[in-house]
Structures are given as C-alpha cells and as structure tokens.
C-alpha cells in the first residue's frame, strides 16, 4: 500500500530578486525565505533573528544538511527543535501520524521544507550572478550535537520563540576549506 501525499508548493510573492551571491548575501536570502515560509505557512512569527559568525553550532532535535553549488559553494544546515518539527509536521500532513511513526515523518517533512525554503532562496537570486544548485538533504535526529571547526567561518542565525519553537540556519562556505576537507565534503555531497 503506502501513503499518498498531496502537497502545495508555496510560491514566494512580493519579494524582489536580490543580487547576492556571496556567502553573506546567500545566508541573508536564505533567512528571508525562511522567515517568509514560517510566517506564511506555519503562522509562526519570530522577532529579531540573531545572526553571528562562529566556529561552533549546536544542533537541535531535527537537522537537515544540504549542499549548495555554483556561485557559492557550501553546506546549509537547518536545525529545529522538536516542538517546531511537530508543528511543521502537523501543518504539512493532512492526517494525524501514529506516535511510533512520528520520528520518521519529522525528518521527511523537514527535508521537504528545507528544499522548499532553499528553492525559494535560489529564485530570489538574480540570474546574472551565476547559477546556484541545491542538493538532496541529509537528515539527522540528535539533539545537542556540537559542530565545531576552528578554521570555518560559519554564518549562523538563531530564531527563537517563547514556546520553544526554535530554529537555526547556518552556512558553511566550502571555498574556505583546504583540499583534504573539500574532498571529504564533496564525497558527502556526491553520495547524499
């Protein structure tokens, strides 16, 4: 048998294309697309987003890691709390999910939403600046995992709310990596 999914892919309206193909510009575009998706489709409004440059990020309960290539090369990491994951799952699926199946659906839904957000972000970038391709998300569930690499300049942003619906969005630019690190990341992207 199986499950039939009916989905509506959101169209990002009222957003002017931006000419941003640097890592700094790309993270800003991804954040704008993320905020739009959260407010329009989940009715979750976040106040100020705390942006930073760091060498360490702590993952939340459910995480999507997806490669981007082209004008900017890197990994985008979207990590959300269990509370936000469940809200996304409930908004995305039309039927209640049995408790024993929730874990799998949480990852699947975040993967689809990550694709949607990055697709919207790519659409906001002016074509004159070069192409940007997104890969397939690798999913993980492991709250509290720490990603630290002192040679990275990780572009990161934290979204928070009073009801623990937290999210972080980070960009690891690959252009900063040395040859050995780049080969490892390329292997992950090619097999992901």
C-alpha atoms as a PDB file:
ATOM      1  CA  UNK A   1       0.000   0.000   0.000  1.00  0.00           C
ATOM      2  CA  UNK A   2       1.704   3.188   1.157  1.00  0.00           C
ATOM      3  CA  UNK A   3       0.798   6.745   1.925  1.00  0.00           C
ATOM      4  CA  UNK A   4      -0.421   9.288  -0.625  1.00  0.00           C
ATOM      5  CA  UNK A   5       0.933  12.786  -0.135  1.00  0.00           C
ATOM      6  CA  UNK A   6      -0.810  15.823  -1.520  1.00  0.00           C
ATOM      7  CA  UNK A   7       1.254  18.944  -1.211  1.00  0.00           C
ATOM      8  CA  UNK A   8       1.144  22.522  -2.275  1.00  0.00           C
ATOM      9  CA  UNK A   9       4.452  24.124  -3.088  1.00  0.00           C
ATOM     10  CA  UNK A  10       4.391  27.716  -1.926  1.00  0.00           C
ATOM     11  CA  UNK A  11       5.215  30.491  -4.337  1.00  0.00           C
ATOM     12  CA  UNK A  12       7.226  33.308  -2.843  1.00  0.00           C
ATOM     13  CA  UNK A  13       5.469  36.534  -3.761  1.00  0.00           C
ATOM     14  CA  UNK A  14       6.234  40.177  -3.164  1.00  0.00           C
ATOM     15  CA  UNK A  15       9.978  39.642  -2.931  1.00  0.00           C
ATOM     16  CA  UNK A  16      12.315  41.448  -5.282  1.00  0.00           C
ATOM     17  CA  UNK A  17      15.235  39.450  -6.689  1.00  0.00           C
ATOM     18  CA  UNK A  18      18.493  40.291  -4.961  1.00  0.00           C
ATOM     19  CA  UNK A  19      21.967  40.414  -6.364  1.00  0.00           C
ATOM     20  CA  UNK A  20      23.605  38.386  -3.598  1.00  0.00           C
ATOM     21  CA  UNK A  21      25.960  35.551  -4.442  1.00  0.00           C
ATOM     22  CA  UNK A  22      28.494  35.887  -1.632  1.00  0.00           C
ATOM     23  CA  UNK A  23      28.188  33.673   1.469  1.00  0.00           C
ATOM     24  CA  UNK A  24      26.975  36.712   3.422  1.00  0.00           C
ATOM     25  CA  UNK A  25      24.406  37.521   0.763  1.00  0.00           C
ATOM     26  CA  UNK A  26      23.280  33.908   0.429  1.00  0.00           C
ATOM     27  CA  UNK A  27      22.641  33.480   4.163  1.00  0.00           C
ATOM     28  CA  UNK A  28      20.601  36.719   4.128  1.00  0.00           C
ATOM     29  CA  UNK A  29      18.488  35.430   1.223  1.00  0.00           C
ATOM     30  CA  UNK A  30      18.003  32.049   2.941  1.00  0.00           C
ATOM     31  CA  UNK A  31      16.953  33.810   6.151  1.00  0.00           C
ATOM     32  CA  UNK A  32      14.432  35.953   4.269  1.00  0.00           C
ATOM     33  CA  UNK A  33      12.956  32.876   2.572  1.00  0.00           C
ATOM     34  CA  UNK A  34      12.871  31.033   5.930  1.00  0.00           C
ATOM     35  CA  UNK A  35      11.075  33.868   7.692  1.00  0.00           C
ATOM     36  CA  UNK A  36       8.574  34.113   4.845  1.00  0.00           C
ATOM     37  CA  UNK A  37       7.876  30.374   4.939  1.00  0.00           C
ATOM     38  CA  UNK A  38       7.454  30.324   8.726  1.00  0.00           C
ATOM     39  CA  UNK A  39       5.116  33.318   8.804  1.00  0.00           C
ATOM     40  CA  UNK A  40       3.024  32.430   5.744  1.00  0.00           C
ATOM     41  CA  UNK A  41       2.698  28.667   6.078  1.00  0.00           C
ATOM     42  CA  UNK A  42       3.077  27.977   9.786  1.00  0.00           C
ATOM     43  CA  UNK A  43       1.849  31.311  11.131  1.00  0.00           C
ATOM     44  CA  UNK A  44       4.955  31.411  13.334  1.00  0.00           C
ATOM     45  CA  UNK A  45       6.395  34.891  13.694  1.00  0.00           C
ATOM     46  CA  UNK A  46       9.821  35.405  15.129  1.00  0.00           C
ATOM     47  CA  UNK A  47      11.160  38.656  16.446  1.00  0.00           C
ATOM     48  CA  UNK A  48      14.712  39.618  15.726  1.00  0.00           C
ATOM     49  CA  UNK A  49      16.941  36.940  14.250  1.00  0.00           C
ATOM     50  CA  UNK A  50      20.336  36.730  15.958  1.00  0.00           C
ATOM     51  CA  UNK A  51      22.990  36.490  13.241  1.00  0.00           C
ATOM     52  CA  UNK A  52      26.608  35.723  14.004  1.00  0.00           C
ATOM     53  CA  UNK A  53      29.898  34.446  12.641  1.00  0.00           C
ATOM     54  CA  UNK A  54      31.090  31.494  14.674  1.00  0.00           C
ATOM     55  CA  UNK A  55      33.170  28.352  14.554  1.00  0.00           C
ATOM     56  CA  UNK A  56      30.663  26.289  16.565  1.00  0.00           C
ATOM     57  CA  UNK A  57      26.991  25.454  16.175  1.00  0.00           C
ATOM     58  CA  UNK A  58      24.834  23.263  18.407  1.00  0.00           C
ATOM     59  CA  UNK A  59      22.208  21.219  16.608  1.00  0.00           C
ATOM     60  CA  UNK A  60      18.626  20.979  17.741  1.00  0.00           C
ATOM     61  CA  UNK A  61      16.393  17.866  17.650  1.00  0.00           C
ATOM     62  CA  UNK A  62      15.980  17.518  13.855  1.00  0.00           C
ATOM     63  CA  UNK A  63      18.539  18.726  11.312  1.00  0.00           C
ATOM     64  CA  UNK A  64      18.765  18.955   7.531  1.00  0.00           C
ATOM     65  CA  UNK A  65      22.167  19.363   5.877  1.00  0.00           C
ATOM     66  CA  UNK A  66      22.116  20.250   2.204  1.00  0.00           C
ATOM     67  CA  UNK A  67      24.831  21.180  -0.267  1.00  0.00           C
ATOM     68  CA  UNK A  68      24.736  24.257  -2.461  1.00  0.00           C
ATOM     69  CA  UNK A  69      26.970  24.668  -5.507  1.00  0.00           C
ATOM     70  CA  UNK A  70      27.558  27.315  -8.057  1.00  0.00           C
ATOM     71  CA  UNK A  71      28.086  30.993  -7.354  1.00  0.00           C
ATOM     72  CA  UNK A  72      28.523  29.991  -3.679  1.00  0.00           C
ATOM     73  CA  UNK A  73      29.661  26.528  -2.613  1.00  0.00           C
ATOM     74  CA  UNK A  74      28.850  25.261   0.840  1.00  0.00           C
ATOM     75  CA  UNK A  75      26.624  23.377   3.215  1.00  0.00           C
ATOM     76  CA  UNK A  76      23.390  24.800   4.578  1.00  0.00           C
ATOM     77  CA  UNK A  77      22.386  23.408   7.963  1.00  0.00           C
ATOM     78  CA  UNK A  78      18.788  23.934   9.086  1.00  0.00           C
ATOM     79  CA  UNK A  79      18.191  22.639  12.628  1.00  0.00           C
ATOM     80  CA  UNK A  80      14.894  22.828  14.537  1.00  0.00           C
ATOM     81  CA  UNK A  81      13.526  21.979  17.966  1.00  0.00           C
ATOM     82  CA  UNK A  82      11.177  19.039  18.429  1.00  0.00           C
ATOM     83  CA  UNK A  83       8.303  21.456  19.125  1.00  0.00           C
ATOM     84  CA  UNK A  84       8.783  23.265  15.820  1.00  0.00           C
ATOM     85  CA  UNK A  85       9.317  19.955  13.978  1.00  0.00           C
ATOM     86  CA  UNK A  86       5.974  18.687  15.271  1.00  0.00           C
ATOM     87  CA  UNK A  87       4.239  21.937  14.312  1.00  0.00           C
ATOM     88  CA  UNK A  88       5.716  21.691  10.805  1.00  0.00           C
ATOM     89  CA  UNK A  89       4.657  18.051  10.530  1.00  0.00           C
ATOM     90  CA  UNK A  90       1.096  18.823  11.646  1.00  0.00           C
ATOM     91  CA  UNK A  91       0.846  21.713   9.164  1.00  0.00           C
ATOM     92  CA  UNK A  92       2.354  19.680   6.321  1.00  0.00           C
ATOM     93  CA  UNK A  93       0.393  16.452   6.711  1.00  0.00           C
ATOM     94  CA  UNK A  94      -3.365  16.271   6.497  1.00  0.00           C
ATOM     95  CA  UNK A  95      -3.857  13.282   8.773  1.00  0.00           C
ATOM     96  CA  UNK A  96      -2.641  12.574  12.308  1.00  0.00           C
ATOM     97  CA  UNK A  97       0.526  10.482  12.477  1.00  0.00           C
ATOM     98  CA  UNK A  98       0.721   7.492  14.828  1.00  0.00           C
ATOM     99  CA  UNK A  99       3.195   8.111  17.657  1.00  0.00           C
ATOM    100  CA  UNK A 100       5.507   5.280  16.569  1.00  0.00           C
ATOM    101  CA  UNK A 101       5.862   6.837  13.077  1.00  0.00           C
ATOM    102  CA  UNK A 102       6.450  10.446  14.140  1.00  0.00           C
ATOM    103  CA  UNK A 103      10.236  10.222  14.194  1.00  0.00           C
ATOM    104  CA  UNK A 104      10.440   9.257  10.516  1.00  0.00           C
ATOM    105  CA  UNK A 105       7.892  11.850   9.441  1.00  0.00           C
ATOM    106  CA  UNK A 106       9.694  14.623  11.343  1.00  0.00           C
ATOM    107  CA  UNK A 107      12.825  14.104   9.230  1.00  0.00           C
ATOM    108  CA  UNK A 108      10.906  13.680   5.967  1.00  0.00           C
ATOM    109  CA  UNK A 109       8.870  16.839   6.484  1.00  0.00           C
ATOM    110  CA  UNK A 110      11.911  18.930   7.448  1.00  0.00           C
ATOM    111  CA  UNK A 111      13.716  17.655   4.340  1.00  0.00           C
ATOM    112  CA  UNK A 112      10.822  18.751   2.109  1.00  0.00           C
ATOM    113  CA  UNK A 113      10.505  22.127   3.845  1.00  0.00           C
ATOM    114  CA  UNK A 114      14.263  22.690   3.552  1.00  0.00           C
ATOM    115  CA  UNK A 115      14.039  22.019  -0.184  1.00  0.00           C
ATOM    116  CA  UNK A 116      11.134  24.471  -0.434  1.00  0.00           C
ATOM    117  CA  UNK A 117      12.953  27.218   1.502  1.00  0.00           C
ATOM    118  CA  UNK A 118      16.185  26.818  -0.468  1.00  0.00           C
ATOM    119  CA  UNK A 119      14.238  26.667  -3.722  1.00  0.00           C
ATOM    120  CA  UNK A 120      12.620  29.980  -2.827  1.00  0.00           C
ATOM    121  CA  UNK A 121      16.010  31.437  -1.909  1.00  0.00           C
ATOM    122  CA  UNK A 122      17.520  30.346  -5.242  1.00  0.00           C
ATOM    123  CA  UNK A 123      14.592  32.004  -7.013  1.00  0.00           C
ATOM    124  CA  UNK A 124      15.368  35.274  -5.241  1.00  0.00           C
ATOM    125  CA  UNK A 125      18.922  35.428  -6.592  1.00  0.00           C
ATOM    126  CA  UNK A 126      19.405  37.397  -9.782  1.00  0.00           C
ATOM    127  CA  UNK A 127      20.436  35.040 -12.620  1.00  0.00           C
ATOM    128  CA  UNK A 128      23.138  37.451 -13.795  1.00  0.00           C
ATOM    129  CA  UNK A 129      25.266  36.497 -10.800  1.00  0.00           C
ATOM    130  CA  UNK A 130      25.531  32.825 -11.669  1.00  0.00           C
ATOM    131  CA  UNK A 131      23.662  29.645 -11.095  1.00  0.00           C
ATOM    132  CA  UNK A 132      23.103  28.065  -7.709  1.00  0.00           C
ATOM    133  CA  UNK A 133      22.164  24.402  -7.400  1.00  0.00           C
ATOM    134  CA  UNK A 134      20.877  22.682  -4.284  1.00  0.00           C
ATOM    135  CA  UNK A 135      21.468  19.056  -3.421  1.00  0.00           C
ATOM    136  CA  UNK A 136      19.424  16.465  -1.593  1.00  0.00           C
ATOM    137  CA  UNK A 137      19.170  16.991   2.160  1.00  0.00           C
ATOM    138  CA  UNK A 138      20.863  14.594   4.556  1.00  0.00           C
ATOM    139  CA  UNK A 139      18.712  14.270   7.663  1.00  0.00           C
ATOM    140  CA  UNK A 140      19.659  13.579  11.265  1.00  0.00           C
ATOM    141  CA  UNK A 141      17.959  13.498  14.648  1.00  0.00           C
ATOM    142  CA  UNK A 142      20.366  14.037  17.505  1.00  0.00           C
ATOM    143  CA  UNK A 143      19.721  16.995  19.763  1.00  0.00           C
ATOM    144  CA  UNK A 144      22.694  18.763  21.259  1.00  0.00           C
ATOM    145  CA  UNK A 145      25.318  17.627  18.767  1.00  0.00           C
ATOM    146  CA  UNK A 146      28.076  20.197  18.517  1.00  0.00           C
ATOM    147  CA  UNK A 147      29.678  21.010  15.175  1.00  0.00           C
ATOM    148  CA  UNK A 148      32.969  22.787  15.692  1.00  0.00           C
ATOM    149  CA  UNK A 149      35.766  23.510  13.271  1.00  0.00           C
ATOM    150  CA  UNK A 150      38.094  26.355  14.144  1.00  0.00           C
ATOM    151  CA  UNK A 151      39.089  27.053  10.525  1.00  0.00           C
ATOM    152  CA  UNK A 152      35.487  27.639   9.399  1.00  0.00           C
ATOM    153  CA  UNK A 153      33.788  30.955   9.350  1.00  0.00           C
ATOM    154  CA  UNK A 154      30.233  29.690   9.836  1.00  0.00           C
ATOM    155  CA  UNK A 155      27.454  32.147   9.025  1.00  0.00           C
ATOM    156  CA  UNK A 156      24.737  31.346  11.550  1.00  0.00           C
ATOM    157  CA  UNK A 157      21.364  32.694  12.639  1.00  0.00           C
ATOM    158  CA  UNK A 158      19.124  31.717  15.549  1.00  0.00           C
ATOM    159  CA  UNK A 159      15.337  32.034  15.548  1.00  0.00           C
ATOM    160  CA  UNK A 160      13.696  31.683  18.948  1.00  0.00           C
ATOM    161  CA  UNK A 161      10.262  31.930  20.491  1.00  0.00           C
ATOM    162  CA  UNK A 162       8.680  31.757  23.914  1.00  0.00           C
ATOM    163  CA  UNK A 163       7.159  28.342  23.253  1.00  0.00           C
ATOM    164  CA  UNK A 164      10.436  26.555  22.371  1.00  0.00           C
ATOM    165  CA  UNK A 165       9.807  26.608  18.614  1.00  0.00           C
ATOM    166  CA  UNK A 166      13.466  27.222  17.890  1.00  0.00           C
ATOM    167  CA  UNK A 167      15.415  27.062  14.655  1.00  0.00           C
ATOM    168  CA  UNK A 168      18.926  27.765  13.487  1.00  0.00           C
ATOM    169  CA  UNK A 169      20.116  28.287   9.932  1.00  0.00           C
ATOM    170  CA  UNK A 170      23.830  28.083   9.183  1.00  0.00           C
ATOM    171  CA  UNK A 171      26.043  28.231   6.101  1.00  0.00           C
ATOM    172  CA  UNK A 172      29.463  26.600   5.918  1.00  0.00           C
ATOM    173  CA  UNK A 173      31.174  28.144   2.870  1.00  0.00           C
ATOM    174  CA  UNK A 174      33.230  25.424   1.177  1.00  0.00           C
ATOM    175  CA  UNK A 175      35.567  27.836  -0.571  1.00  0.00           C
ATOM    176  CA  UNK A 176      37.450  28.206   2.743  1.00  0.00           C
ATOM    177  CA  UNK A 177      38.278  24.517   3.024  1.00  0.00           C
ATOM    178  CA  UNK A 178      41.650  23.015   2.267  1.00  0.00           C
ATOM    179  CA  UNK A 179      41.920  20.257  -0.354  1.00  0.00           C
ATOM    180  CA  UNK A 180      41.508  17.325   2.066  1.00  0.00           C
ATOM    181  CA  UNK A 181      38.459  18.826   3.798  1.00  0.00           C
ATOM    182  CA  UNK A 182      36.944  19.775   0.463  1.00  0.00           C
ATOM    183  CA  UNK A 183      37.371  16.183  -0.806  1.00  0.00           C
ATOM    184  CA  UNK A 184      35.533  14.837   2.269  1.00  0.00           C
ATOM    185  CA  UNK A 185      32.659  17.294   1.819  1.00  0.00           C
ATOM    186  CA  UNK A 186      32.485  16.572  -1.926  1.00  0.00           C
ATOM    187  CA  UNK A 187      32.196  12.843  -1.097  1.00  0.00           C
ATOM    188  CA  UNK A 188      29.275  13.597   1.266  1.00  0.00           C
ATOM    189  CA  UNK A 189      27.557  15.788  -1.342  1.00  0.00           C
ATOM    190  CA  UNK A 190      28.031  13.312  -4.177  1.00  0.00           C
ATOM    191  CA  UNK A 191      26.686  10.396  -2.161  1.00  0.00           C
ATOM    192  CA  UNK A 192      23.938  12.335  -0.327  1.00  0.00           C
END
